[in-house]
Amino acid sequence: MEIGYTLMGEQSGPRALVRDVRQAEQAGFDFAVASDHAFPWLVAQGHSPYIWSVLGAAAQVTERMPLMTFVTCPIRRYHPVVVAQKAATMQLLSEGRFTLGLGAGELLNEHVVGGGWPSVDVRHRMLREAVEIIRALLAGGYVSYRGEFYDLDSARVWDLPEGGVPIGLASSGSASARLAGELADAMIATDPDPALGPLFDEAGGSGKPRFGQLAVCFDDDVDTARTRAWEQFRWFSAGWKVNAELPGTSAFAAACRAVRPEDVAESIPCGSDVDAVLEAVARFSDAGFTHLALVQVGGDHQSPFLEWAADELLDRARSV
């Protein structure tokens, strides 16, 4: 399994993210993914820069690491035509190292453009149209399209990379896993649910990469790590089906009001125990994931984590 690094824009500003991804490549991480939000989940995280600008800079300060959105929603805040243009530009800037990770979005980020929040089945239909449009534009030429949700009038992306752009789709349940298998070149999930892989395979995903994500909170002091994980990542406990429907940071704070530091530590390895991280990594490996992106909780605590990962974690994690 390849081990990647997450540029978590909700907890770091743009310059810090670029600095950290450069160090991650030097530390030996295999790839990097970047979240694409308009809001952090909690006020304590405190950031949310425009990640596409960050990725453009990341492409210039790295040389070998593949880069990926994890994930972009192409159905509300961004129009699919704009996403196709951005993806093509990123593939050119990175010289073929970019994968476009897409998902059906969260109300937290997409509400900013107004117009209400569709139900999940409608969002999946919108996502299908968006993927069709993006693939058509990345294939080259003028594209006109008349769909249930989107219309295109002679759209074209002028600067196109050879070979196109691989597309990954986020999966959190049976419907999205099947959609990923049918439409995408890779599956993306944050939960090591062993049921997702077979559904992805049956719909056409057999043999394709499966990307997971694991939050960790490295610190030499385990109590400090647990406190920081609770302060910044207790929102994670509700699960994506709940998180996708919450409208803002105050709603996330209310939804996780009863979550205790010890509850967060049950799902996020805290401290400097390599074996605890490897145990969590194994759950993804056992579920058939081929790639796993690690998130270090705490924007100001990336450099010590990257040094520790290089010295003690990466080689062992790949062999789990």
C-alpha atoms as a PDB file:
ATOM      1  CA  MET A   1       0.000   0.000   0.000  1.00  0.00           C
ATOM      2  CA  GLU A   2       1.268   3.466  -0.880  1.00  0.00           C
ATOM      3  CA  ILE A   3       1.258   6.020   1.951  1.00  0.00           C
ATOM      4  CA  GLY A   4       0.333   9.615   1.204  1.00  0.00           C
ATOM      5  CA  TYR A   5       0.174  12.966   2.965  1.00  0.00           C
ATOM      6  CA  THR A   6      -2.885  15.221   3.318  1.00  0.00           C
ATOM      7  CA  LEU A   7      -2.788  18.977   2.779  1.00  0.00           C
ATOM      8  CA  MET A   8      -5.605  19.775   5.200  1.00  0.00           C
ATOM      9  CA  GLY A   9      -6.597  23.298   4.227  1.00  0.00           C
ATOM     10  CA  GLU A  10      -9.058  23.601   7.105  1.00  0.00           C
ATOM     11  CA  GLN A  11      -6.187  23.749   9.620  1.00  0.00           C
ATOM     12  CA  SER A  12      -3.403  25.573   7.731  1.00  0.00           C
ATOM     13  CA  GLY A  13      -2.942  28.662   5.592  1.00  0.00           C
ATOM     14  CA  PRO A  14      -1.733  28.511   1.975  1.00  0.00           C
ATOM     15  CA  ARG A  15       1.961  29.202   2.533  1.00  0.00           C
ATOM     16  CA  ALA A  16       2.158  26.614   5.298  1.00  0.00           C
ATOM     17  CA  LEU A  17       0.478  24.005   3.094  1.00  0.00           C
ATOM     18  CA  VAL A  18       3.014  24.551   0.311  1.00  0.00           C
ATOM     19  CA  ARG A  19       5.902  24.350   2.777  1.00  0.00           C
ATOM     20  CA  ASP A  20       4.499  21.164   4.296  1.00  0.00           C
ATOM     21  CA  VAL A  21       3.937  19.338   1.012  1.00  0.00           C
ATOM     22  CA  ARG A  22       7.529  20.045   0.001  1.00  0.00           C
ATOM     23  CA  GLN A  23       8.725  18.557   3.288  1.00  0.00           C
ATOM     24  CA  ALA A  24       6.378  15.592   2.826  1.00  0.00           C
ATOM     25  CA  GLU A  25       8.028  14.762  -0.492  1.00  0.00           C
ATOM     26  CA  GLN A  26      11.458  15.053   1.099  1.00  0.00           C
ATOM     27  CA  ALA A  27      10.288  12.791   3.927  1.00  0.00           C
ATOM     28  CA  GLY A  28       9.423  10.074   1.397  1.00  0.00           C
ATOM     29  CA  PHE A  29       5.632  10.123   1.195  1.00  0.00           C
ATOM     30  CA  ASP A  30       4.345   8.456  -1.972  1.00  0.00           C
ATOM     31  CA  PHE A  31       1.644  10.986  -2.935  1.00  0.00           C
ATOM     32  CA  ALA A  32      -0.286  13.972  -1.589  1.00  0.00           C
ATOM     33  CA  VAL A  33      -3.988  14.810  -1.466  1.00  0.00           C
ATOM     34  CA  ALA A  34      -5.667  18.134  -0.702  1.00  0.00           C
ATOM     35  CA  SER A  35      -9.059  18.926   0.779  1.00  0.00           C
ATOM     36  CA  ASP A  36     -11.181  21.501  -1.084  1.00  0.00           C
ATOM     37  CA  HIS A  37     -13.426  23.442   1.278  1.00  0.00           C
ATOM     38  CA  ALA A  38     -14.908  26.897   1.710  1.00  0.00           C
ATOM     39  CA  PHE A  39     -15.213  26.464   5.500  1.00  0.00           C
ATOM     40  CA  PRO A  40     -13.381  24.585   8.248  1.00  0.00           C
ATOM     41  CA  TRP A  41     -15.527  22.154  10.237  1.00  0.00           C
ATOM     42  CA  LEU A  42     -14.759  23.871  13.548  1.00  0.00           C
ATOM     43  CA  VAL A  43     -13.708  27.425  14.375  1.00  0.00           C
ATOM     44  CA  ALA A  44     -10.662  26.042  16.218  1.00  0.00           C
ATOM     45  CA  GLN A  45      -9.242  24.852  12.885  1.00  0.00           C
ATOM     46  CA  GLY A  46      -9.403  28.375  11.558  1.00  0.00           C
ATOM     47  CA  HIS A  47      -8.493  28.151   7.847  1.00  0.00           C
ATOM     48  CA  SER A  48      -9.808  27.375   4.379  1.00  0.00           C
ATOM     49  CA  PRO A  49      -7.701  28.810   1.524  1.00  0.00           C
ATOM     50  CA  TYR A  50      -8.502  28.269  -2.153  1.00  0.00           C
ATOM     51  CA  ILE A  51      -6.915  24.863  -2.580  1.00  0.00           C
ATOM     52  CA  TRP A  52      -6.501  25.032  -6.363  1.00  0.00           C
ATOM     53  CA  SER A  53      -4.006  27.871  -5.991  1.00  0.00           C
ATOM     54  CA  VAL A  54      -2.224  25.856  -3.310  1.00  0.00           C
ATOM     55  CA  LEU A  55      -2.077  22.837  -5.624  1.00  0.00           C
ATOM     56  CA  GLY A  56      -0.591  24.928  -8.408  1.00  0.00           C
ATOM     57  CA  ALA A  57       2.155  26.039  -6.040  1.00  0.00           C
ATOM     58  CA  ALA A  58       2.573  22.467  -4.746  1.00  0.00           C
ATOM     59  CA  ALA A  59       3.171  21.286  -8.307  1.00  0.00           C
ATOM     60  CA  GLN A  60       6.112  23.694  -8.539  1.00  0.00           C
ATOM     61  CA  VAL A  61       7.805  22.810  -5.230  1.00  0.00           C
ATOM     62  CA  THR A  62       7.512  19.026  -5.679  1.00  0.00           C
ATOM     63  CA  GLU A  63       9.029  16.840  -8.365  1.00  0.00           C
ATOM     64  CA  ARG A  64       7.815  13.256  -8.076  1.00  0.00           C
ATOM     65  CA  MET A  65       4.734  13.046  -5.824  1.00  0.00           C
ATOM     66  CA  PRO A  66       1.334  12.585  -7.483  1.00  0.00           C
ATOM     67  CA  LEU A  67      -1.176  15.241  -6.362  1.00  0.00           C
ATOM     68  CA  MET A  68      -4.940  14.842  -5.950  1.00  0.00           C
ATOM     69  CA  THR A  69      -8.038  16.731  -4.832  1.00  0.00           C
ATOM     70  CA  PHE A  70      -9.637  14.884  -1.932  1.00  0.00           C
ATOM     71  CA  VAL A  71     -12.250  15.919  -2.898  1.00  0.00           C
ATOM     72  CA  THR A  72     -13.747  18.624  -5.105  1.00  0.00           C
ATOM     73  CA  CYS A  73     -17.502  18.993  -5.464  1.00  0.00           C
ATOM     74  CA  PRO A  74     -18.385  19.871  -9.098  1.00  0.00           C
ATOM     75  CA  ILE A  75     -22.137  20.320  -8.657  1.00  0.00           C
ATOM     76  CA  ARG A  76     -22.779  23.595  -6.742  1.00  0.00           C
ATOM     77  CA  ARG A  77     -19.927  25.900  -5.772  1.00  0.00           C
ATOM     78  CA  TYR A  78     -18.061  25.025  -8.984  1.00  0.00           C
ATOM     79  CA  HIS A  79     -19.566  24.398 -12.407  1.00  0.00           C
ATOM     80  CA  PRO A  80     -18.270  21.229 -14.146  1.00  0.00           C
ATOM     81  CA  VAL A  81     -16.802  23.323 -16.994  1.00  0.00           C
ATOM     82  CA  VAL A  82     -14.680  25.267 -14.504  1.00  0.00           C
ATOM     83  CA  VAL A  83     -13.564  22.041 -12.797  1.00  0.00           C
ATOM     84  CA  ALA A  84     -12.501  20.557 -16.140  1.00  0.00           C
ATOM     85  CA  GLN A  85     -10.430  23.644 -16.935  1.00  0.00           C
ATOM     86  CA  LYS A  86      -8.793  23.601 -13.496  1.00  0.00           C
ATOM     87  CA  ALA A  87      -8.012  19.880 -13.715  1.00  0.00           C
ATOM     88  CA  ALA A  88      -6.431  20.233 -17.150  1.00  0.00           C
ATOM     89  CA  THR A  89      -4.284  23.136 -15.950  1.00  0.00           C
ATOM     90  CA  MET A  90      -3.169  21.198 -12.867  1.00  0.00           C
ATOM     91  CA  GLN A  91      -2.208  18.208 -14.991  1.00  0.00           C
ATOM     92  CA  LEU A  92      -0.057  20.451 -17.171  1.00  0.00           C
ATOM     93  CA  LEU A  93       1.559  22.237 -14.219  1.00  0.00           C
ATOM     94  CA  SER A  94       2.355  18.936 -12.486  1.00  0.00           C
ATOM     95  CA  GLU A  95       3.543  17.290 -15.712  1.00  0.00           C
ATOM     96  CA  GLY A  96       1.105  14.406 -15.443  1.00  0.00           C
ATOM     97  CA  ARG A  97       1.015  13.928 -11.667  1.00  0.00           C
ATOM     98  CA  PHE A  98      -2.566  15.037 -10.990  1.00  0.00           C
ATOM     99  CA  THR A  99      -5.731  13.054 -10.251  1.00  0.00           C
ATOM    100  CA  LEU A 100      -9.109  14.804  -9.999  1.00  0.00           C
ATOM    101  CA  GLY A 101     -10.896  13.533  -6.912  1.00  0.00           C
ATOM    102  CA  LEU A 102     -14.623  14.354  -6.994  1.00  0.00           C
ATOM    103  CA  GLY A 103     -17.535  13.942  -4.613  1.00  0.00           C
ATOM    104  CA  ALA A 104     -21.165  14.904  -4.063  1.00  0.00           C
ATOM    105  CA  GLY A 105     -20.228  17.586  -1.546  1.00  0.00           C
ATOM    106  CA  GLU A 106     -21.169  18.855   1.898  1.00  0.00           C
ATOM    107  CA  LEU A 107     -23.670  21.559   2.762  1.00  0.00           C
ATOM    108  CA  LEU A 108     -20.947  23.204   4.879  1.00  0.00           C
ATOM    109  CA  ASN A 109     -19.118  24.297   1.735  1.00  0.00           C
ATOM    110  CA  GLU A 110     -21.744  24.389  -0.992  1.00  0.00           C
ATOM    111  CA  HIS A 111     -24.365  26.518   0.797  1.00  0.00           C
ATOM    112  CA  VAL A 112     -22.318  29.652   0.108  1.00  0.00           C
ATOM    113  CA  VAL A 113     -23.722  29.997  -3.422  1.00  0.00           C
ATOM    114  CA  GLY A 114     -27.352  29.686  -2.260  1.00  0.00           C
ATOM    115  CA  GLY A 115     -30.081  27.774  -4.056  1.00  0.00           C
ATOM    116  CA  GLY A 116     -30.741  25.137  -1.415  1.00  0.00           C
ATOM    117  CA  TRP A 117     -29.172  21.739  -0.813  1.00  0.00           C
ATOM    118  CA  PRO A 118     -30.417  18.795  -2.906  1.00  0.00           C
ATOM    119  CA  SER A 119     -31.110  15.365  -1.447  1.00  0.00           C
ATOM    120  CA  VAL A 120     -28.369  12.783  -1.803  1.00  0.00           C
ATOM    121  CA  ASP A 121     -30.045  10.960  -4.705  1.00  0.00           C
ATOM    122  CA  VAL A 122     -30.302  14.244  -6.634  1.00  0.00           C
ATOM    123  CA  ARG A 123     -26.679  15.045  -5.826  1.00  0.00           C
ATOM    124  CA  HIS A 124     -25.636  11.699  -7.283  1.00  0.00           C
ATOM    125  CA  ARG A 125     -27.538  12.431 -10.502  1.00  0.00           C
ATOM    126  CA  MET A 126     -25.891  15.825 -10.662  1.00  0.00           C
ATOM    127  CA  LEU A 127     -22.489  14.222 -10.075  1.00  0.00           C
ATOM    128  CA  ARG A 128     -23.065  11.784 -12.922  1.00  0.00           C
ATOM    129  CA  GLU A 129     -23.773  14.664 -15.311  1.00  0.00           C
ATOM    130  CA  ALA A 130     -20.769  16.581 -14.019  1.00  0.00           C
ATOM    131  CA  VAL A 131     -18.437  13.635 -14.648  1.00  0.00           C
ATOM    132  CA  GLU A 132     -19.847  13.191 -18.158  1.00  0.00           C
ATOM    133  CA  ILE A 133     -19.204  16.877 -18.896  1.00  0.00           C
ATOM    134  CA  ILE A 134     -15.703  16.895 -17.422  1.00  0.00           C
ATOM    135  CA  ARG A 135     -14.661  13.781 -19.347  1.00  0.00           C
ATOM    136  CA  ALA A 136     -16.046  15.181 -22.601  1.00  0.00           C
ATOM    137  CA  LEU A 137     -14.185  18.462 -22.165  1.00  0.00           C
ATOM    138  CA  LEU A 138     -10.921  16.728 -21.255  1.00  0.00           C
ATOM    139  CA  ALA A 139     -11.235  14.635 -24.433  1.00  0.00           C
ATOM    140  CA  GLY A 140     -10.900  17.838 -26.475  1.00  0.00           C
ATOM    141  CA  GLY A 141     -12.986  19.842 -28.910  1.00  0.00           C
ATOM    142  CA  TYR A 142     -16.196  21.814 -28.474  1.00  0.00           C
ATOM    143  CA  VAL A 143     -18.821  20.350 -26.182  1.00  0.00           C
ATOM    144  CA  SER A 144     -22.534  21.186 -26.099  1.00  0.00           C
ATOM    145  CA  TYR A 145     -24.666  19.388 -23.540  1.00  0.00           C
ATOM    146  CA  ARG A 146     -28.315  19.341 -22.481  1.00  0.00           C
ATOM    147  CA  GLY A 147     -28.937  17.539 -19.241  1.00  0.00           C
ATOM    148  CA  GLU A 148     -31.346  17.501 -16.333  1.00  0.00           C
ATOM    149  CA  PHE A 149     -29.133  19.910 -14.364  1.00  0.00           C
ATOM    150  CA  TYR A 150     -26.516  21.393 -16.690  1.00  0.00           C
ATOM    151  CA  ASP A 151     -26.434  22.967 -20.141  1.00  0.00           C
ATOM    152  CA  LEU A 152     -23.284  23.657 -22.138  1.00  0.00           C
ATOM    153  CA  ASP A 153     -23.037  25.851 -25.208  1.00  0.00           C
ATOM    154  CA  SER A 154     -19.900  25.179 -27.279  1.00  0.00           C
ATOM    155  CA  ALA A 155     -17.632  24.843 -24.263  1.00  0.00           C
ATOM    156  CA  ARG A 156     -13.966  23.990 -24.768  1.00  0.00           C
ATOM    157  CA  VAL A 157     -10.806  23.585 -22.703  1.00  0.00           C
ATOM    158  CA  TRP A 158      -7.950  24.957 -24.780  1.00  0.00           C
ATOM    159  CA  ASP A 159      -4.910  23.821 -22.804  1.00  0.00           C
ATOM    160  CA  LEU A 160      -5.206  20.047 -22.552  1.00  0.00           C
ATOM    161  CA  PRO A 161      -2.710  17.517 -21.191  1.00  0.00           C
ATOM    162  CA  GLU A 162      -1.892  14.440 -23.220  1.00  0.00           C
ATOM    163  CA  GLY A 163      -3.579  11.381 -21.743  1.00  0.00           C
ATOM    164  CA  GLY A 164      -6.308  13.324 -19.972  1.00  0.00           C
ATOM    165  CA  VAL A 165      -6.810  13.428 -16.202  1.00  0.00           C
ATOM    166  CA  PRO A 166      -7.681  10.382 -14.050  1.00  0.00           C
ATOM    167  CA  ILE A 167     -10.857  10.818 -12.001  1.00  0.00           C
ATOM    168  CA  GLY A 168     -11.557   9.407  -8.553  1.00  0.00           C
ATOM    169  CA  LEU A 169     -14.984   9.437  -6.888  1.00  0.00           C
ATOM    170  CA  ALA A 170     -15.723   9.583  -3.162  1.00  0.00           C
ATOM    171  CA  SER A 171     -17.682   6.647  -1.744  1.00  0.00           C
ATOM    172  CA  SER A 172     -19.421   6.450   1.621  1.00  0.00           C
ATOM    173  CA  GLY A 173     -22.143   3.884   0.911  1.00  0.00           C
ATOM    174  CA  SER A 174     -23.486   1.431  -1.623  1.00  0.00           C
ATOM    175  CA  ALA A 175     -24.855   3.970  -4.124  1.00  0.00           C
ATOM    176  CA  SER A 176     -21.692   6.073  -4.268  1.00  0.00           C
ATOM    177  CA  ALA A 177     -19.422   2.994  -4.390  1.00  0.00           C
ATOM    178  CA  ARG A 178     -21.330   1.693  -7.412  1.00  0.00           C
ATOM    179  CA  LEU A 179     -21.212   5.125  -9.021  1.00  0.00           C
ATOM    180  CA  ALA A 180     -17.444   5.201  -8.534  1.00  0.00           C
ATOM    181  CA  GLY A 181     -17.070   1.758 -10.081  1.00  0.00           C
ATOM    182  CA  GLU A 182     -19.104   2.788 -13.093  1.00  0.00           C
ATOM    183  CA  LEU A 183     -17.713   6.280 -13.746  1.00  0.00           C
ATOM    184  CA  ALA A 184     -14.291   6.643 -12.138  1.00  0.00           C
ATOM    185  CA  ASP A 185     -10.696   5.519 -12.415  1.00  0.00           C
ATOM    186  CA  ALA A 186     -10.354   5.197  -8.626  1.00  0.00           C
ATOM    187  CA  MET A 187     -12.447   4.953  -5.453  1.00  0.00           C
ATOM    188  CA  ILE A 188     -11.993   7.343  -2.531  1.00  0.00           C
ATOM    189  CA  ALA A 189     -13.231   6.650   1.009  1.00  0.00           C
ATOM    190  CA  THR A 190     -12.479   7.809   4.546  1.00  0.00           C
ATOM    191  CA  ASP A 191     -13.883   4.680   6.217  1.00  0.00           C
ATOM    192  CA  PRO A 192     -12.188   1.259   5.838  1.00  0.00           C
ATOM    193  CA  ASP A 193     -15.546  -0.362   5.144  1.00  0.00           C
ATOM    194  CA  PRO A 194     -14.805  -3.774   3.574  1.00  0.00           C
ATOM    195  CA  ALA A 195     -18.192  -3.713   1.812  1.00  0.00           C
ATOM    196  CA  LEU A 196     -17.246  -0.794  -0.443  1.00  0.00           C
ATOM    197  CA  GLY A 197     -14.580  -2.606  -2.456  1.00  0.00           C
ATOM    198  CA  PRO A 198     -16.805  -5.428  -3.781  1.00  0.00           C
ATOM    199  CA  LEU A 199     -19.500  -2.927  -4.761  1.00  0.00           C
ATOM    200  CA  PHE A 200     -16.890  -0.816  -6.549  1.00  0.00           C
ATOM    201  CA  ASP A 201     -15.547  -3.906  -8.327  1.00  0.00           C
ATOM    202  CA  GLU A 202     -18.963  -5.185  -9.402  1.00  0.00           C
ATOM    203  CA  ALA A 203     -19.787  -1.836 -11.029  1.00  0.00           C
ATOM    204  CA  GLY A 204     -16.579  -1.783 -13.073  1.00  0.00           C
ATOM    205  CA  GLY A 205     -13.838  -0.840 -10.629  1.00  0.00           C
ATOM    206  CA  SER A 206     -12.005  -4.158 -10.485  1.00  0.00           C
ATOM    207  CA  GLY A 207      -8.248  -3.625 -10.514  1.00  0.00           C
ATOM    208  CA  LYS A 208      -8.508   0.148 -10.065  1.00  0.00           C
ATOM    209  CA  PRO A 209      -6.892   2.048  -7.152  1.00  0.00           C
ATOM    210  CA  ARG A 210      -8.724   2.555  -3.866  1.00  0.00           C
ATOM    211  CA  PHE A 211      -7.722   5.594  -1.815  1.00  0.00           C
ATOM    212  CA  GLY A 212      -8.376   5.841   1.915  1.00  0.00           C
ATOM    213  CA  GLN A 213      -7.623   8.481   4.533  1.00  0.00           C
ATOM    214  CA  LEU A 214      -6.552   8.142   8.158  1.00  0.00           C
ATOM    215  CA  ALA A 215      -6.267  10.909  10.750  1.00  0.00           C
ATOM    216  CA  VAL A 216      -3.446  10.656  13.286  1.00  0.00           C
ATOM    217  CA  CYS A 217      -2.284  13.057  15.974  1.00  0.00           C
ATOM    218  CA  PHE A 218       1.435  12.700  16.558  1.00  0.00           C
ATOM    219  CA  ASP A 219       2.980  14.262  19.637  1.00  0.00           C
ATOM    220  CA  ASP A 220       5.626  13.128  22.108  1.00  0.00           C
ATOM    221  CA  ASP A 221       3.046  13.666  24.859  1.00  0.00           C
ATOM    222  CA  VAL A 222      -0.016  11.463  24.419  1.00  0.00           C
ATOM    223  CA  ASP A 223      -2.299  13.650  26.553  1.00  0.00           C
ATOM    224  CA  THR A 224      -1.395  16.718  24.507  1.00  0.00           C
ATOM    225  CA  ALA A 225      -2.147  14.766  21.334  1.00  0.00           C
ATOM    226  CA  ARG A 226      -5.529  13.615  22.643  1.00  0.00           C
ATOM    227  CA  THR A 227      -6.505  17.143  23.624  1.00  0.00           C
ATOM    228  CA  ARG A 228      -5.508  18.534  20.232  1.00  0.00           C
ATOM    229  CA  ALA A 229      -7.350  15.752  18.382  1.00  0.00           C
ATOM    230  CA  TRP A 230     -10.483  16.528  20.401  1.00  0.00           C
ATOM    231  CA  GLU A 231     -10.207  20.290  19.870  1.00  0.00           C
ATOM    232  CA  GLN A 232      -9.845  20.036  16.098  1.00  0.00           C
ATOM    233  CA  PHE A 233     -11.220  16.681  14.950  1.00  0.00           C
ATOM    234  CA  ARG A 234     -14.132  15.725  17.226  1.00  0.00           C
ATOM    235  CA  TRP A 235     -16.489  16.618  14.331  1.00  0.00           C
ATOM    236  CA  PHE A 236     -15.321  13.433  12.598  1.00  0.00           C
ATOM    237  CA  SER A 237     -17.273  11.228  15.003  1.00  0.00           C
ATOM    238  CA  ALA A 238     -20.670  11.882  13.374  1.00  0.00           C
ATOM    239  CA  GLY A 239     -19.800  10.205  10.070  1.00  0.00           C
ATOM    240  CA  TRP A 240     -20.118  11.555   6.536  1.00  0.00           C
ATOM    241  CA  LYS A 241     -23.830  10.895   6.140  1.00  0.00           C
ATOM    242  CA  VAL A 242     -24.464  13.337   8.988  1.00  0.00           C
ATOM    243  CA  ASN A 243     -21.605  15.703   8.191  1.00  0.00           C
ATOM    244  CA  ALA A 244     -22.783  16.243   4.615  1.00  0.00           C
ATOM    245  CA  GLU A 245     -26.017  17.782   5.876  1.00  0.00           C
ATOM    246  CA  LEU A 246     -24.676  20.221   8.508  1.00  0.00           C
ATOM    247  CA  PRO A 247     -24.649  23.897   7.427  1.00  0.00           C
ATOM    248  CA  GLY A 248     -21.801  25.517   9.357  1.00  0.00           C
ATOM    249  CA  THR A 249     -19.207  25.446  12.108  1.00  0.00           C
ATOM    250  CA  SER A 250     -21.772  26.070  14.854  1.00  0.00           C
ATOM    251  CA  ALA A 251     -23.799  23.076  13.676  1.00  0.00           C
ATOM    252  CA  PHE A 252     -20.714  20.862  13.769  1.00  0.00           C
ATOM    253  CA  ALA A 253     -19.865  22.134  17.256  1.00  0.00           C
ATOM    254  CA  ALA A 254     -23.395  21.328  18.432  1.00  0.00           C
ATOM    255  CA  ALA A 255     -23.414  17.892  16.786  1.00  0.00           C
ATOM    256  CA  CYS A 256     -20.249  16.832  18.622  1.00  0.00           C
ATOM    257  CA  ARG A 257     -20.933  18.566  21.942  1.00  0.00           C
ATOM    258  CA  ALA A 258     -21.060  15.271  23.850  1.00  0.00           C
ATOM    259  CA  VAL A 259     -17.883  13.840  22.322  1.00  0.00           C
ATOM    260  CA  ARG A 260     -15.054  13.409  24.847  1.00  0.00           C
ATOM    261  CA  PRO A 261     -11.276  13.369  24.221  1.00  0.00           C
ATOM    262  CA  GLU A 262     -11.194   9.654  25.006  1.00  0.00           C
ATOM    263  CA  ASP A 263     -13.904   9.062  22.393  1.00  0.00           C
ATOM    264  CA  VAL A 264     -11.808  10.771  19.716  1.00  0.00           C
ATOM    265  CA  ALA A 265      -8.702   8.826  20.779  1.00  0.00           C
ATOM    266  CA  GLU A 266     -10.538   5.569  20.070  1.00  0.00           C
ATOM    267  CA  SER A 267     -10.656   6.373  16.345  1.00  0.00           C
ATOM    268  CA  ILE A 268      -7.581   8.613  15.926  1.00  0.00           C
ATOM    269  CA  PRO A 269      -4.179   7.228  16.978  1.00  0.00           C
ATOM    270  CA  CYS A 270      -2.691   9.788  19.373  1.00  0.00           C
ATOM    271  CA  GLY A 271       0.889  10.122  20.590  1.00  0.00           C
ATOM    272  CA  SER A 272       4.028   8.528  19.189  1.00  0.00           C
ATOM    273  CA  ASP A 273       3.140   4.824  19.297  1.00  0.00           C
ATOM    274  CA  VAL A 274       3.942   3.525  15.803  1.00  0.00           C
ATOM    275  CA  ASP A 275       2.156   0.243  16.461  1.00  0.00           C
ATOM    276  CA  ALA A 276      -1.114   2.078  17.159  1.00  0.00           C
ATOM    277  CA  VAL A 277      -0.894   3.785  13.782  1.00  0.00           C
ATOM    278  CA  LEU A 278       0.009   0.516  12.047  1.00  0.00           C
ATOM    279  CA  GLU A 279      -3.042  -1.147  13.589  1.00  0.00           C
ATOM    280  CA  ALA A 280      -5.240   1.548  12.058  1.00  0.00           C
ATOM    281  CA  VAL A 281      -3.408   1.278   8.734  1.00  0.00           C
ATOM    282  CA  ALA A 282      -4.038  -2.472   8.706  1.00  0.00           C
ATOM    283  CA  ARG A 283      -7.800  -1.907   8.724  1.00  0.00           C
ATOM    284  CA  PHE A 284      -7.498  -0.161   5.358  1.00  0.00           C
ATOM    285  CA  SER A 285      -5.087  -2.728   4.005  1.00  0.00           C
ATOM    286  CA  ASP A 286      -7.374  -5.578   5.060  1.00  0.00           C
ATOM    287  CA  ALA A 287     -10.301  -3.826   3.340  1.00  0.00           C
ATOM    288  CA  GLY A 288      -8.417  -3.793   0.032  1.00  0.00           C
ATOM    289  CA  PHE A 289      -7.237  -0.190  -0.114  1.00  0.00           C
ATOM    290  CA  THR A 290      -4.177   0.403  -2.305  1.00  0.00           C
ATOM    291  CA  HIS A 291      -3.398   3.963  -1.172  1.00  0.00           C
ATOM    292  CA  LEU A 292      -3.758   5.619   2.242  1.00  0.00           C
ATOM    293  CA  ALA A 293      -3.393   9.368   2.881  1.00  0.00           C
ATOM    294  CA  LEU A 294      -2.444  10.308   6.440  1.00  0.00           C
ATOM    295  CA  VAL A 295      -3.746  13.478   8.110  1.00  0.00           C
ATOM    296  CA  GLN A 296      -1.682  14.964  10.919  1.00  0.00           C
ATOM    297  CA  VAL A 297      -4.096  16.803  13.209  1.00  0.00           C
ATOM    298  CA  GLY A 298      -2.974  20.346  13.982  1.00  0.00           C
ATOM    299  CA  GLY A 299      -1.759  22.820  11.401  1.00  0.00           C
ATOM    300  CA  ASP A 300       1.214  23.937  13.508  1.00  0.00           C
ATOM    301  CA  HIS A 301       2.408  20.397  14.142  1.00  0.00           C
ATOM    302  CA  GLN A 302       3.258  19.136  10.677  1.00  0.00           C
ATOM    303  CA  SER A 303       7.060  19.274  10.672  1.00  0.00           C
ATOM    304  CA  PRO A 304       7.601  17.041  13.748  1.00  0.00           C
ATOM    305  CA  PHE A 305       5.092  14.553  12.344  1.00  0.00           C
ATOM    306  CA  LEU A 306       6.820  14.468   8.955  1.00  0.00           C
ATOM    307  CA  GLU A 307      10.200  13.870  10.568  1.00  0.00           C
ATOM    308  CA  TRP A 308       8.769  11.083  12.740  1.00  0.00           C
ATOM    309  CA  ALA A 309       7.002   9.515   9.765  1.00  0.00           C
ATOM    310  CA  ALA A 310      10.222   9.493   7.741  1.00  0.00           C
ATOM    311  CA  ASP A 311      12.248   7.934  10.547  1.00  0.00           C
ATOM    312  CA  GLU A 312       9.803   5.456  12.064  1.00  0.00           C
ATOM    313  CA  LEU A 313       6.519   5.031  10.206  1.00  0.00           C
ATOM    314  CA  LEU A 314       6.536   5.032   6.404  1.00  0.00           C
ATOM    315  CA  ASP A 315       8.520   1.878   5.623  1.00  0.00           C
ATOM    316  CA  ARG A 316       6.595  -0.157   8.177  1.00  0.00           C
ATOM    317  CA  ALA A 317       3.219   1.216   7.050  1.00  0.00           C
ATOM    318  CA  ARG A 318       3.824   0.245   3.422  1.00  0.00           C
ATOM    319  CA  SER A 319       4.396  -3.364   4.403  1.00  0.00           C
ATOM    320  CA  VAL A 320       1.297  -3.768   6.604  1.00  0.00           C
END
